[in-house]
N, C-alpha and C. Protein backbone atom coordinates (compact mmCIF):
# COMPACT_ATOMS: atom_id res chain seq x y z
N MET A 1 39.34 158.31 -22.93
CA MET A 1 38.26 158.61 -22.19
C MET A 1 38.59 159.80 -24.24
N LYS A 2 38.01 160.27 -25.49
CA LYS A 2 38.65 161.10 -25.84
C LYS A 2 37.47 162.10 -27.01
N HIS A 3 37.71 163.45 -26.83
CA HIS A 3 36.51 163.24 -27.56
C HIS A 3 36.66 164.04 -29.20
N LEU A 4 35.32 164.28 -29.74
CA LEU A 4 35.71 164.56 -31.25
C LEU A 4 34.15 164.99 -31.78
N ASN A 5 34.65 166.48 -32.13
CA ASN A 5 34.07 167.40 -32.88
C ASN A 5 34.16 167.23 -34.16
N ILE A 6 32.50 166.61 -35.08
CA ILE A 6 32.31 166.20 -35.91
C ILE A 6 31.14 166.27 -36.51
N THR A 7 31.81 167.49 -38.18
CA THR A 7 30.66 167.67 -38.64
C THR A 7 30.41 166.55 -39.81
N VAL A 8 29.29 166.67 -39.87
CA VAL A 8 28.38 165.49 -41.24
C VAL A 8 28.04 166.75 -42.14
N LYS A 9 29.05 165.89 -43.32
CA LYS A 9 27.75 166.66 -44.71
C LYS A 9 26.34 165.86 -45.81
N GLY A 10 26.10 166.91 -46.91
CA GLY A 10 25.40 165.92 -46.82
C GLY A 10 23.67 166.31 -47.12
N THR A 11 22.99 164.91 -47.55
CA THR A 11 21.59 165.26 -47.03
C THR A 11 20.87 164.58 -45.55
N VAL A 12 21.30 165.56 -44.81
CA VAL A 12 21.45 165.17 -43.31
C VAL A 12 20.38 165.32 -42.18
N GLN A 13 19.76 166.59 -42.83
CA GLN A 13 18.96 167.65 -42.00
C GLN A 13 17.52 166.47 -42.78
N GLY A 14 16.58 166.93 -41.86
CA GLY A 14 14.90 166.49 -42.32
C GLY A 14 14.14 165.00 -42.37
N VAL A 15 15.79 164.23 -42.05
CA VAL A 15 16.28 163.33 -42.52
C VAL A 15 16.60 162.17 -41.15
N MET A 16 15.95 162.49 -40.37
CA MET A 16 15.85 161.75 -38.38
C MET A 16 17.01 161.61 -38.26
N TYR A 17 18.04 162.35 -38.86
CA TYR A 17 19.64 162.33 -38.72
C TYR A 17 19.50 162.84 -36.48
N ARG A 18 19.00 163.66 -36.19
CA ARG A 18 19.31 163.73 -34.66
C ARG A 18 19.17 162.67 -33.76
N LYS A 19 17.91 162.68 -33.95
CA LYS A 19 17.26 161.57 -33.89
C LYS A 19 17.82 160.36 -33.37
N ALA A 20 17.98 159.37 -34.92
CA ALA A 20 18.54 158.79 -35.38
C ALA A 20 20.26 158.34 -34.03
N THR A 21 21.26 159.90 -34.60
CA THR A 21 21.75 159.89 -33.69
C THR A 21 22.07 159.39 -31.93
N LYS A 22 20.54 159.21 -31.97
CA LYS A 22 20.57 159.75 -30.23
C LYS A 22 20.75 158.90 -29.77
N ALA A 23 20.01 157.75 -30.55
CA ALA A 23 19.08 156.28 -30.36
C ALA A 23 20.86 155.85 -30.21
N VAL A 24 21.02 155.44 -31.40
CA VAL A 24 22.98 154.98 -31.51
C VAL A 24 24.47 155.48 -30.51
N ALA A 25 24.28 156.97 -30.25
CA ALA A 25 24.55 156.80 -28.62
C ALA A 25 24.78 156.34 -27.59
N ASP A 26 23.30 156.96 -27.76
CA ASP A 26 22.42 155.86 -26.35
C ASP A 26 23.19 154.61 -25.90
N GLN A 27 23.12 153.52 -27.04
CA GLN A 27 22.75 152.00 -27.08
C GLN A 27 24.85 151.57 -27.40
N LEU A 28 25.24 152.70 -27.58
CA LEU A 28 26.74 152.50 -27.65
C LEU A 28 27.36 153.22 -26.27
N GLY A 29 27.00 154.10 -25.50
CA GLY A 29 26.88 155.04 -24.66
C GLY A 29 27.96 155.60 -24.65
N VAL A 30 27.49 156.50 -25.88
CA VAL A 30 27.95 158.18 -26.45
C VAL A 30 28.19 158.83 -25.66
N ARG A 31 28.76 160.05 -25.42
CA ARG A 31 27.77 161.23 -24.53
C ARG A 31 28.43 162.43 -25.08
N GLY A 32 27.28 163.61 -25.50
CA GLY A 32 27.82 164.45 -26.52
C GLY A 32 26.64 165.41 -25.91
N PHE A 33 26.62 165.86 -27.95
CA PHE A 33 25.13 166.55 -28.15
C PHE A 33 25.12 166.44 -29.30
N VAL A 34 23.94 166.97 -30.58
CA VAL A 34 24.47 166.30 -31.43
C VAL A 34 23.21 168.18 -32.38
N LYS A 35 23.62 168.42 -33.63
CA LYS A 35 22.04 169.61 -33.44
C LYS A 35 22.73 170.51 -35.01
N ASN A 36 21.38 170.49 -35.70
CA ASN A 36 21.93 170.83 -36.74
C ASN A 36 22.08 172.52 -37.60
N GLU A 37 23.15 172.69 -38.01
CA GLU A 37 23.57 173.21 -38.30
C GLU A 37 22.62 174.95 -39.48
N PRO A 38 22.66 175.82 -39.82
CA PRO A 38 22.41 176.37 -40.70
C PRO A 38 23.08 176.82 -42.01
N ASN A 39 24.51 175.93 -42.23
CA ASN A 39 24.09 175.08 -43.38
C ASN A 39 23.65 174.11 -44.24
N GLY A 40 23.35 173.52 -43.04
CA GLY A 40 22.16 171.88 -43.69
C GLY A 40 23.90 171.11 -43.26
N ASP A 41 24.72 171.54 -42.90
CA ASP A 41 25.53 170.62 -41.32
C ASP A 41 24.82 169.57 -40.58
N VAL A 42 25.38 169.02 -40.11
CA VAL A 42 24.80 168.37 -38.61
C VAL A 42 26.20 167.80 -38.21
N TYR A 43 26.12 168.87 -36.49
CA TYR A 43 27.46 168.86 -36.12
C TYR A 43 27.26 168.21 -34.46
N ILE A 44 27.92 166.70 -34.13
CA ILE A 44 28.27 166.83 -33.13
C ILE A 44 29.22 166.51 -32.34
N GLU A 45 29.17 166.46 -30.58
CA GLU A 45 30.18 166.88 -29.93
C GLU A 45 29.03 165.11 -29.68
N ALA A 46 31.04 164.00 -29.57
CA ALA A 46 30.92 162.96 -28.61
C ALA A 46 32.16 163.29 -28.16
N GLU A 47 31.26 161.87 -26.99
CA GLU A 47 33.09 161.71 -26.03
C GLU A 47 32.46 160.59 -25.66
N ALA A 48 33.58 159.24 -25.72
CA ALA A 48 33.93 157.27 -25.90
C ALA A 48 35.06 157.16 -26.27
N ASP A 49 34.91 156.51 -25.56
CA ASP A 49 37.04 154.75 -25.52
C ASP A 49 36.71 155.06 -27.47
N ASN A 50 38.10 154.78 -27.40
CA ASN A 50 38.46 154.79 -28.59
C ASN A 50 37.61 153.32 -29.43
N THR A 51 37.17 152.43 -29.55
CA THR A 51 36.90 151.30 -30.00
C THR A 51 35.00 151.48 -29.66
N ILE A 52 35.36 152.27 -29.36
CA ILE A 52 32.93 153.03 -29.11
C ILE A 52 32.92 154.24 -30.01
N MET A 53 34.20 155.17 -30.20
CA MET A 53 33.98 156.15 -30.97
C MET A 53 34.45 155.88 -32.97
N GLU A 54 35.13 154.44 -32.34
CA GLU A 54 35.25 154.17 -33.93
C GLU A 54 33.70 153.65 -34.62
N MET A 55 33.39 152.76 -33.82
CA MET A 55 32.05 151.86 -34.19
C MET A 55 30.74 153.88 -34.53
N PHE A 56 31.01 154.35 -33.62
CA PHE A 56 29.85 155.34 -34.05
C PHE A 56 30.41 156.31 -34.92
N ILE A 57 31.98 157.14 -34.92
CA ILE A 57 31.74 157.25 -36.52
C ILE A 57 31.49 156.46 -38.06
N ASP A 58 31.88 155.12 -37.76
CA ASP A 58 31.18 154.32 -38.77
C ASP A 58 29.37 154.77 -38.93
N TRP A 59 29.11 154.79 -38.01
CA TRP A 59 28.08 155.06 -37.86
C TRP A 59 27.24 155.94 -38.50
N CYS A 60 28.08 157.89 -38.08
CA CYS A 60 27.55 158.34 -38.37
C CYS A 60 27.57 158.80 -40.35
N ASN A 61 29.17 157.92 -41.07
CA ASN A 61 28.86 157.97 -42.15
C ASN A 61 27.83 157.71 -42.96
N GLU A 62 27.56 156.64 -42.11
CA GLU A 62 25.82 155.95 -43.05
C GLU A 62 25.06 156.83 -42.67
N GLY A 63 24.48 156.57 -40.94
CA GLY A 63 23.21 157.79 -41.11
C GLY A 63 22.19 156.78 -41.31
N PRO A 64 20.96 157.37 -40.78
CA PRO A 64 19.95 156.80 -40.60
C PRO A 64 19.43 156.75 -42.33
N GLU A 65 18.58 155.12 -42.82
CA GLU A 65 18.01 154.84 -44.28
C GLU A 65 17.76 156.51 -45.24
N ASP A 66 18.00 157.14 -44.98
CA ASP A 66 16.87 158.33 -45.67
C ASP A 66 18.62 159.68 -46.01
N ALA A 67 19.12 159.43 -45.03
CA ALA A 67 20.46 160.06 -45.47
C ALA A 67 20.98 159.84 -45.83
N GLU A 68 21.54 161.17 -47.25
CA GLU A 68 23.20 160.79 -47.71
C GLU A 68 24.15 162.02 -47.35
N VAL A 69 25.00 160.79 -46.72
CA VAL A 69 26.29 161.39 -46.60
C VAL A 69 27.62 161.10 -47.86
N THR A 70 27.96 162.91 -47.80
CA THR A 70 28.68 162.93 -48.65
C THR A 70 30.28 162.77 -48.40
N SER A 71 30.35 163.32 -46.40
CA SER A 71 31.73 163.32 -45.47
C SER A 71 31.28 164.26 -44.08
N ILE A 72 32.17 163.33 -44.16
CA ILE A 72 32.44 163.36 -42.70
C ILE A 72 33.47 164.40 -41.83
N GLU A 73 33.86 165.13 -41.11
CA GLU A 73 35.08 165.87 -41.07
C GLU A 73 35.41 165.38 -39.20
N THR A 74 36.38 165.21 -38.58
CA THR A 74 35.89 164.84 -37.09
C THR A 74 37.42 166.14 -35.96
N HIS A 75 37.46 166.68 -35.57
CA HIS A 75 38.24 167.18 -34.68
C HIS A 75 38.53 167.46 -33.28
N GLU A 76 39.74 166.12 -32.55
CA GLU A 76 39.72 166.33 -31.36
C GLU A 76 39.52 167.41 -31.07
N GLY A 77 38.73 167.40 -29.79
CA GLY A 77 39.14 168.18 -28.70
C GLY A 77 39.62 168.40 -27.06
N GLU A 78 38.62 169.29 -26.52
CA GLU A 78 39.88 168.54 -25.24
C GLU A 78 38.19 168.11 -25.03
N LEU A 79 37.72 167.17 -23.00
CA LEU A 79 37.29 166.34 -22.32
C LEU A 79 35.87 168.12 -21.54
N LYS A 80 34.56 167.57 -22.10
CA LYS A 80 33.75 168.02 -21.28
C LYS A 80 33.23 167.09 -20.71
N ASN A 81 33.35 166.33 -20.79
CA ASN A 81 32.34 165.48 -19.38
C ASN A 81 31.36 165.52 -19.03
N TYR A 82 29.71 165.69 -20.86
CA TYR A 82 29.03 165.20 -21.07
C TYR A 82 29.25 164.46 -19.90
N ARG A 83 27.64 164.11 -19.05
CA ARG A 83 26.42 164.20 -18.79
C ARG A 83 26.03 162.23 -19.27
N ASN A 84 25.38 163.38 -20.35
CA ASN A 84 24.69 161.82 -21.76
C ASN A 84 24.69 162.69 -22.27
N PHE A 85 23.97 161.81 -23.68
CA PHE A 85 24.12 162.56 -25.51
C PHE A 85 22.52 163.08 -25.70
N GLU A 86 22.60 164.48 -26.27
CA GLU A 86 21.12 165.06 -26.12
C GLU A 86 20.99 165.93 -28.03
N VAL A 87 19.58 165.57 -27.82
CA VAL A 87 19.72 166.85 -29.68
C VAL A 87 18.82 167.83 -28.90
N VAL A 88 20.17 168.96 -30.01
CA VAL A 88 19.60 170.44 -29.26
C VAL A 88 18.90 170.86 -30.25
N LYS A 89 17.49 171.37 -29.78
CA LYS A 89 16.64 171.34 -30.72
C LYS A 89 16.69 173.32 -31.73
N LYS A 90 17.70 173.93 -31.03
CA LYS A 90 17.63 175.13 -31.43
C LYS A 90 19.16 176.11 -31.46
N ARG A 91 19.03 177.02 -32.55
CA ARG A 91 20.89 177.14 -31.95
C ARG A 91 21.44 177.26 -30.55
N LEU A 92 22.91 177.06 -30.33
CA LEU A 92 23.22 177.11 -28.77
C LEU A 92 23.93 179.18 -28.07
């Protein structure tokens, strides 16, 4: 298992990015959360094994149909053992 902090940049708010991310995460078995940032980015914390994480990152680079992802940044972090994947509606 690995933990990644992922920042997605581009046109990623107002295009159902968080909802679609949750659907893909649930399908793949990724755990963590996704939320909008005030600067227009989307921030994701994800935990999965390497193979699943690669598929998830590939999807994050594309996003849902109306998204225009310009770049993503990933940083490995400490495992937090999330139980599921959630959409965070407001700032933590």
